[in-house]
Amino acid sequence: MLYVEKDLSAVAKAVFDQWDTKKDELNHKILYCSDSRVSPAEIIACLERGKLALGQRSIIATDKELVTGKKCTWKSLPTTGVPDRDIMYQLYNEMGMYGNKELPDENIVALGVKMHGFEDFVRERLVPHLGL
């Protein structure tokens, strides 16, 4: 997953800052600006994370463990209503976006960029956006 406002800018800055010393290594390289592949089920599991204390209705968790503690559902639409887009999604679901590429990309790691995980995005952007 790419946390655009944090990771993409960090990768771009690292490339510009290190271009003079690493241009032979970076020139004509594809830089995969993603830390991992994340499924909808993994995002839901992250959002739902919380611990219920025995016999209590409130959620007991450390700040690191708790995300929302709320039950979430995800529904996949059978079609987007746009045939070409449906084909694109079907191909993406069958092939994935990055093929067999290991993430995070070794070229990004070599630049010293610390990518953010999807849980960072969920906590910092998605949960507040959902008002949770």
N, C-alpha and C. Protein backbone atom coordinates (compact mmCIF):
# COMPACT_ATOMS: atom_id res chain seq x y z
N MET A 1 0.84 -1.17 0.00
CA MET A 1 0.00 0.00 0.00
C MET A 1 0.88 1.23 0.00
N LEU A 2 0.46 2.25 -0.69
CA LEU A 2 1.20 3.51 -0.75
C LEU A 2 0.47 4.56 0.07
N TYR A 3 1.16 5.11 1.04
CA TYR A 3 0.65 6.25 1.82
C TYR A 3 1.20 7.47 1.09
N VAL A 4 0.44 7.99 0.14
CA VAL A 4 0.92 8.97 -0.82
C VAL A 4 1.58 10.17 -0.16
N GLU A 5 0.90 10.82 0.78
CA GLU A 5 1.44 12.07 1.30
C GLU A 5 2.70 11.88 2.14
N LYS A 6 2.95 10.68 2.63
CA LYS A 6 4.16 10.45 3.42
C LYS A 6 5.22 9.71 2.63
N ASP A 7 4.85 8.63 1.96
CA ASP A 7 5.84 7.79 1.31
C ASP A 7 6.29 8.31 -0.06
N LEU A 8 5.35 8.72 -0.89
CA LEU A 8 5.72 9.18 -2.22
C LEU A 8 6.63 10.40 -2.14
N SER A 9 6.30 11.32 -1.24
CA SER A 9 7.15 12.51 -1.09
C SER A 9 8.53 12.14 -0.53
N ALA A 10 8.59 11.18 0.38
CA ALA A 10 9.87 10.75 0.95
C ALA A 10 10.75 10.09 -0.10
N VAL A 11 10.14 9.27 -0.97
CA VAL A 11 10.89 8.62 -2.04
C VAL A 11 11.40 9.67 -3.03
N ALA A 12 10.53 10.59 -3.45
CA ALA A 12 10.96 11.63 -4.38
C ALA A 12 12.09 12.47 -3.80
N LYS A 13 11.98 12.84 -2.54
CA LYS A 13 13.03 13.62 -1.89
C LYS A 13 14.34 12.85 -1.84
N ALA A 14 14.27 11.56 -1.49
CA ALA A 14 15.48 10.74 -1.42
C ALA A 14 16.15 10.62 -2.79
N VAL A 15 15.36 10.45 -3.84
CA VAL A 15 15.93 10.37 -5.20
C VAL A 15 16.62 11.68 -5.55
N PHE A 16 15.96 12.80 -5.33
CA PHE A 16 16.58 14.09 -5.65
C PHE A 16 17.82 14.35 -4.81
N ASP A 17 17.74 14.05 -3.51
CA ASP A 17 18.87 14.29 -2.62
C ASP A 17 20.08 13.43 -2.94
N GLN A 18 19.84 12.20 -3.44
CA GLN A 18 20.94 11.26 -3.65
C GLN A 18 21.29 11.03 -5.12
N TRP A 19 20.65 11.80 -6.00
CA TRP A 19 20.83 11.58 -7.43
C TRP A 19 22.30 11.65 -7.86
N ASP A 20 23.02 12.64 -7.38
CA ASP A 20 24.41 12.80 -7.82
C ASP A 20 25.28 11.59 -7.47
N THR A 21 25.02 10.96 -6.35
CA THR A 21 25.86 9.83 -5.94
C THR A 21 25.29 8.47 -6.37
N LYS A 22 24.00 8.40 -6.69
CA LYS A 22 23.39 7.12 -7.02
C LYS A 22 22.70 7.08 -8.38
N LYS A 23 23.01 8.03 -9.25
CA LYS A 23 22.27 8.07 -10.52
C LYS A 23 22.49 6.84 -11.39
N ASP A 24 23.68 6.23 -11.31
CA ASP A 24 23.90 5.02 -12.10
C ASP A 24 23.04 3.86 -11.60
N GLU A 25 22.78 3.82 -10.31
CA GLU A 25 21.93 2.77 -9.73
C GLU A 25 20.45 3.05 -9.96
N LEU A 26 20.08 4.32 -10.04
CA LEU A 26 18.67 4.71 -10.13
C LEU A 26 18.18 4.92 -11.57
N ASN A 27 19.08 5.29 -12.46
CA ASN A 27 18.70 5.61 -13.82
C ASN A 27 18.04 4.41 -14.49
N HIS A 28 16.88 4.60 -15.05
CA HIS A 28 16.10 3.59 -15.75
C HIS A 28 15.58 2.47 -14.84
N LYS A 29 15.49 2.74 -13.55
CA LYS A 29 14.93 1.77 -12.60
C LYS A 29 13.47 2.12 -12.33
N ILE A 30 12.69 1.09 -12.11
CA ILE A 30 11.32 1.29 -11.64
C ILE A 30 11.39 1.25 -10.13
N LEU A 31 10.88 2.28 -9.48
CA LEU A 31 10.86 2.34 -8.01
C LEU A 31 9.42 2.08 -7.56
N TYR A 32 9.24 0.98 -6.87
CA TYR A 32 7.92 0.61 -6.37
C TYR A 32 7.71 1.29 -5.02
N CYS A 33 6.89 2.31 -5.01
CA CYS A 33 6.68 3.13 -3.81
C CYS A 33 5.55 2.55 -2.96
N SER A 34 5.73 1.34 -2.53
CA SER A 34 4.73 0.66 -1.73
C SER A 34 5.44 -0.21 -0.71
N ASP A 35 4.91 -0.28 0.49
CA ASP A 35 5.57 -1.09 1.51
C ASP A 35 5.10 -2.54 1.51
N SER A 36 3.86 -2.79 1.02
CA SER A 36 3.32 -4.15 1.05
C SER A 36 2.05 -4.23 0.24
N ARG A 37 1.59 -5.46 0.04
CA ARG A 37 0.28 -5.70 -0.56
C ARG A 37 -0.72 -5.85 0.59
N VAL A 38 -1.87 -5.26 0.45
CA VAL A 38 -2.87 -5.30 1.52
C VAL A 38 -4.23 -5.66 0.92
N SER A 39 -4.85 -6.67 1.51
CA SER A 39 -6.17 -7.09 1.04
C SER A 39 -7.25 -6.35 1.82
N PRO A 40 -8.47 -6.31 1.27
CA PRO A 40 -9.58 -5.72 2.03
C PRO A 40 -9.77 -6.42 3.38
N ALA A 41 -9.57 -7.72 3.43
CA ALA A 41 -9.73 -8.46 4.69
C ALA A 41 -8.71 -7.99 5.73
N GLU A 42 -7.49 -7.69 5.30
CA GLU A 42 -6.46 -7.20 6.22
C GLU A 42 -6.80 -5.80 6.73
N ILE A 43 -7.37 -4.98 5.87
CA ILE A 43 -7.77 -3.63 6.30
C ILE A 43 -8.90 -3.73 7.31
N ILE A 44 -9.88 -4.60 7.06
CA ILE A 44 -10.99 -4.79 8.00
C ILE A 44 -10.46 -5.31 9.33
N ALA A 45 -9.56 -6.28 9.31
CA ALA A 45 -9.00 -6.82 10.55
C ALA A 45 -8.29 -5.72 11.33
N CYS A 46 -7.59 -4.85 10.63
CA CYS A 46 -6.91 -3.73 11.29
C CYS A 46 -7.92 -2.78 11.91
N LEU A 47 -8.94 -2.41 11.16
CA LEU A 47 -9.96 -1.50 11.68
C LEU A 47 -10.68 -2.07 12.90
N GLU A 48 -10.95 -3.36 12.89
CA GLU A 48 -11.71 -3.99 13.96
C GLU A 48 -10.88 -4.24 15.21
N ARG A 49 -9.58 -4.15 15.10
CA ARG A 49 -8.72 -4.55 16.21
C ARG A 49 -9.05 -3.82 17.50
N GLY A 50 -9.21 -4.58 18.53
CA GLY A 50 -9.48 -4.10 19.87
C GLY A 50 -9.68 -5.30 20.76
N LYS A 51 -9.58 -5.15 22.04
CA LYS A 51 -9.75 -6.28 22.96
C LYS A 51 -10.87 -5.97 23.93
N LEU A 52 -11.78 -6.92 24.08
CA LEU A 52 -12.85 -6.78 25.06
C LEU A 52 -12.42 -7.47 26.35
N ALA A 53 -12.52 -6.76 27.44
CA ALA A 53 -12.21 -7.37 28.73
C ALA A 53 -13.35 -8.31 29.09
N LEU A 54 -13.05 -9.41 29.74
CA LEU A 54 -14.04 -10.41 30.09
C LEU A 54 -15.17 -9.78 30.92
N GLY A 55 -16.39 -9.93 30.45
CA GLY A 55 -17.55 -9.43 31.17
C GLY A 55 -17.76 -7.93 31.04
N GLN A 56 -16.99 -7.26 30.19
CA GLN A 56 -17.15 -5.81 30.03
C GLN A 56 -17.58 -5.51 28.61
N ARG A 57 -18.19 -4.36 28.45
CA ARG A 57 -18.61 -3.94 27.13
C ARG A 57 -17.62 -2.95 26.51
N SER A 58 -16.73 -2.42 27.31
CA SER A 58 -15.77 -1.45 26.78
C SER A 58 -14.53 -2.17 26.26
N ILE A 59 -13.85 -1.51 25.39
CA ILE A 59 -12.66 -2.08 24.78
C ILE A 59 -11.45 -1.73 25.62
N ILE A 60 -10.67 -2.74 25.93
CA ILE A 60 -9.43 -2.56 26.67
C ILE A 60 -8.30 -2.91 25.71
N ALA A 61 -7.44 -1.97 25.43
CA ALA A 61 -6.32 -2.23 24.54
C ALA A 61 -5.28 -1.14 24.74
N THR A 62 -4.06 -1.46 24.42
CA THR A 62 -3.04 -0.43 24.44
C THR A 62 -3.24 0.43 23.19
N ASP A 63 -2.65 1.61 23.17
CA ASP A 63 -2.78 2.48 22.00
C ASP A 63 -2.28 1.79 20.74
N LYS A 64 -1.25 0.95 20.89
CA LYS A 64 -0.70 0.26 19.73
C LYS A 64 -1.65 -0.80 19.20
N GLU A 65 -2.41 -1.44 20.08
CA GLU A 65 -3.31 -2.52 19.67
C GLU A 65 -4.65 -2.01 19.14
N LEU A 66 -5.19 -0.99 19.76
CA LEU A 66 -6.54 -0.53 19.43
C LEU A 66 -6.55 0.30 18.15
N VAL A 67 -7.44 -0.03 17.29
CA VAL A 67 -7.68 0.84 16.13
C VAL A 67 -9.09 1.41 16.29
N THR A 68 -10.13 0.61 16.11
CA THR A 68 -11.49 1.10 16.40
C THR A 68 -12.23 0.16 17.33
N GLY A 69 -11.99 -1.13 17.24
CA GLY A 69 -12.72 -2.10 18.02
C GLY A 69 -14.15 -2.28 17.53
N LYS A 70 -14.47 -1.71 16.38
CA LYS A 70 -15.84 -1.79 15.84
C LYS A 70 -15.90 -2.84 14.73
N LYS A 71 -17.05 -3.47 14.63
CA LYS A 71 -17.28 -4.47 13.58
C LYS A 71 -17.38 -3.76 12.24
N CYS A 72 -16.72 -4.31 11.24
CA CYS A 72 -16.74 -3.72 9.89
C CYS A 72 -17.18 -4.78 8.88
N THR A 73 -17.74 -4.32 7.80
CA THR A 73 -18.08 -5.22 6.69
C THR A 73 -17.56 -4.61 5.40
N TRP A 74 -17.36 -5.46 4.44
CA TRP A 74 -16.91 -5.02 3.12
C TRP A 74 -17.71 -5.78 2.09
N LYS A 75 -18.24 -5.05 1.13
CA LYS A 75 -19.01 -5.67 0.07
C LYS A 75 -18.34 -5.37 -1.26
N SER A 76 -18.18 -6.40 -2.05
CA SER A 76 -17.62 -6.24 -3.38
C SER A 76 -18.78 -6.12 -4.36
N LEU A 77 -18.77 -5.08 -5.15
CA LEU A 77 -19.82 -4.91 -6.14
C LEU A 77 -19.58 -5.87 -7.30
N PRO A 78 -20.62 -6.47 -7.84
CA PRO A 78 -20.43 -7.40 -8.96
C PRO A 78 -19.95 -6.69 -10.23
N THR A 79 -20.25 -5.40 -10.33
CA THR A 79 -19.81 -4.63 -11.50
C THR A 79 -19.73 -3.16 -11.11
N THR A 80 -18.88 -2.44 -11.82
CA THR A 80 -18.79 -0.99 -11.60
C THR A 80 -19.77 -0.26 -12.51
N GLY A 81 -20.33 -0.98 -13.48
CA GLY A 81 -21.21 -0.36 -14.46
C GLY A 81 -20.46 0.14 -15.68
N VAL A 82 -19.13 0.01 -15.66
CA VAL A 82 -18.31 0.42 -16.81
C VAL A 82 -17.53 -0.82 -17.24
N PRO A 83 -17.88 -1.42 -18.37
CA PRO A 83 -17.26 -2.68 -18.78
C PRO A 83 -15.72 -2.65 -18.82
N ASP A 84 -15.15 -1.59 -19.36
CA ASP A 84 -13.68 -1.53 -19.43
C ASP A 84 -13.05 -1.49 -18.04
N ARG A 85 -13.69 -0.81 -17.12
CA ARG A 85 -13.19 -0.76 -15.74
C ARG A 85 -13.32 -2.13 -15.08
N ASP A 86 -14.42 -2.83 -15.37
CA ASP A 86 -14.60 -4.17 -14.83
C ASP A 86 -13.48 -5.10 -15.31
N ILE A 87 -13.09 -4.99 -16.56
CA ILE A 87 -11.99 -5.79 -17.10
C ILE A 87 -10.69 -5.45 -16.38
N MET A 88 -10.46 -4.17 -16.15
CA MET A 88 -9.25 -3.74 -15.45
C MET A 88 -9.21 -4.35 -14.05
N TYR A 89 -10.31 -4.28 -13.32
CA TYR A 89 -10.36 -4.85 -11.97
C TYR A 89 -10.18 -6.37 -12.00
N GLN A 90 -10.79 -7.02 -12.99
CA GLN A 90 -10.64 -8.47 -13.11
C GLN A 90 -9.18 -8.83 -13.33
N LEU A 91 -8.50 -8.12 -14.21
CA LEU A 91 -7.07 -8.38 -14.46
C LEU A 91 -6.24 -8.11 -13.21
N TYR A 92 -6.56 -7.03 -12.52
CA TYR A 92 -5.85 -6.70 -11.29
C TYR A 92 -6.02 -7.81 -10.25
N ASN A 93 -7.25 -8.31 -10.11
CA ASN A 93 -7.51 -9.37 -9.13
C ASN A 93 -6.80 -10.66 -9.50
N GLU A 94 -6.64 -10.92 -10.80
CA GLU A 94 -5.98 -12.15 -11.23
C GLU A 94 -4.45 -12.01 -11.20
N MET A 95 -3.94 -10.86 -11.58
CA MET A 95 -2.49 -10.69 -11.75
C MET A 95 -1.82 -9.90 -10.63
N GLY A 96 -2.60 -9.08 -9.95
CA GLY A 96 -2.00 -8.21 -8.95
C GLY A 96 -1.36 -7.00 -9.60
N MET A 97 -0.91 -6.08 -8.79
CA MET A 97 -0.33 -4.86 -9.33
C MET A 97 1.18 -4.98 -9.54
N TYR A 98 1.84 -5.76 -8.70
CA TYR A 98 3.30 -5.79 -8.72
C TYR A 98 3.88 -7.13 -9.14
N GLY A 99 3.06 -8.06 -9.58
CA GLY A 99 3.58 -9.37 -9.98
C GLY A 99 4.28 -10.05 -8.82
N ASN A 100 5.48 -10.55 -9.07
CA ASN A 100 6.25 -11.24 -8.05
C ASN A 100 7.22 -10.33 -7.31
N LYS A 101 7.11 -9.04 -7.51
CA LYS A 101 8.04 -8.09 -6.90
C LYS A 101 7.95 -8.15 -5.38
N GLU A 102 9.10 -8.26 -4.72
CA GLU A 102 9.16 -8.22 -3.26
C GLU A 102 8.98 -6.78 -2.80
N LEU A 103 8.14 -6.59 -1.79
CA LEU A 103 7.91 -5.26 -1.24
C LEU A 103 8.29 -5.27 0.23
N PRO A 104 8.89 -4.22 0.75
CA PRO A 104 9.25 -2.99 0.05
C PRO A 104 10.39 -3.22 -0.95
N ASP A 105 10.41 -2.39 -1.96
CA ASP A 105 11.38 -2.45 -3.05
C ASP A 105 12.79 -2.24 -2.50
N GLU A 106 13.70 -3.12 -2.90
CA GLU A 106 15.09 -3.01 -2.43
C GLU A 106 15.74 -1.69 -2.86
N ASN A 107 15.30 -1.11 -3.98
CA ASN A 107 15.84 0.18 -4.42
C ASN A 107 15.40 1.31 -3.48
N ILE A 108 14.20 1.21 -2.95
CA ILE A 108 13.70 2.20 -1.99
C ILE A 108 14.42 2.04 -0.65
N VAL A 109 14.59 0.80 -0.24
CA VAL A 109 15.30 0.52 1.01
C VAL A 109 16.73 1.06 0.93
N ALA A 110 17.38 0.86 -0.23
CA ALA A 110 18.76 1.34 -0.43
C ALA A 110 18.86 2.86 -0.35
N LEU A 111 17.76 3.55 -0.63
CA LEU A 111 17.75 5.01 -0.51
C LEU A 111 17.59 5.45 0.95
N GLY A 112 17.29 4.50 1.83
CA GLY A 112 17.13 4.82 3.25
C GLY A 112 15.75 5.33 3.62
N VAL A 113 14.78 5.11 2.75
CA VAL A 113 13.42 5.59 3.01
C VAL A 113 12.69 4.56 3.86
N LYS A 114 12.11 5.01 4.96
CA LYS A 114 11.29 4.16 5.83
C LYS A 114 9.84 4.33 5.38
N MET A 115 9.31 3.28 4.77
CA MET A 115 7.93 3.33 4.29
C MET A 115 6.97 3.14 5.46
N HIS A 116 5.80 3.74 5.35
CA HIS A 116 4.78 3.59 6.37
C HIS A 116 3.90 2.39 6.04
N GLY A 117 3.43 1.70 7.03
CA GLY A 117 2.55 0.56 6.83
C GLY A 117 1.11 1.01 6.64
N PHE A 118 0.28 0.07 6.19
CA PHE A 118 -1.12 0.43 5.97
C PHE A 118 -1.80 0.79 7.29
N GLU A 119 -1.33 0.24 8.40
CA GLU A 119 -1.94 0.58 9.69
C GLU A 119 -1.71 2.05 10.03
N ASP A 120 -0.56 2.60 9.62
CA ASP A 120 -0.32 4.03 9.83
C ASP A 120 -1.38 4.84 9.10
N PHE A 121 -1.66 4.46 7.84
CA PHE A 121 -2.67 5.16 7.05
C PHE A 121 -4.05 5.00 7.68
N VAL A 122 -4.37 3.78 8.10
CA VAL A 122 -5.68 3.53 8.70
C VAL A 122 -5.87 4.40 9.93
N ARG A 123 -4.87 4.43 10.82
CA ARG A 123 -4.98 5.20 12.06
C ARG A 123 -5.02 6.71 11.81
N GLU A 124 -4.13 7.18 10.91
CA GLU A 124 -3.97 8.62 10.73
C GLU A 124 -4.98 9.25 9.78
N ARG A 125 -5.45 8.49 8.79
CA ARG A 125 -6.34 9.07 7.78
C ARG A 125 -7.71 8.43 7.70
N LEU A 126 -7.76 7.10 7.61
CA LEU A 126 -9.05 6.44 7.39
C LEU A 126 -9.96 6.54 8.60
N VAL A 127 -9.47 6.21 9.79
CA VAL A 127 -10.31 6.27 10.99
C VAL A 127 -10.87 7.68 11.22
N PRO A 128 -10.03 8.73 11.17
CA PRO A 128 -10.62 10.08 11.32
C PRO A 128 -11.61 10.43 10.22
N HIS A 129 -11.33 9.99 8.97
CA HIS A 129 -12.24 10.27 7.86
C HIS A 129 -13.60 9.62 8.10
N LEU A 130 -13.58 8.44 8.68
CA LEU A 130 -14.83 7.73 8.99
C LEU A 130 -15.51 8.26 10.23
N GLY A 131 -14.85 9.16 10.96
CA GLY A 131 -15.40 9.73 12.17
C GLY A 131 -15.40 8.76 13.35
N LEU A 132 -14.46 7.85 13.35
CA LEU A 132 -14.40 6.83 14.41
C LEU A 132 -13.34 7.17 15.44
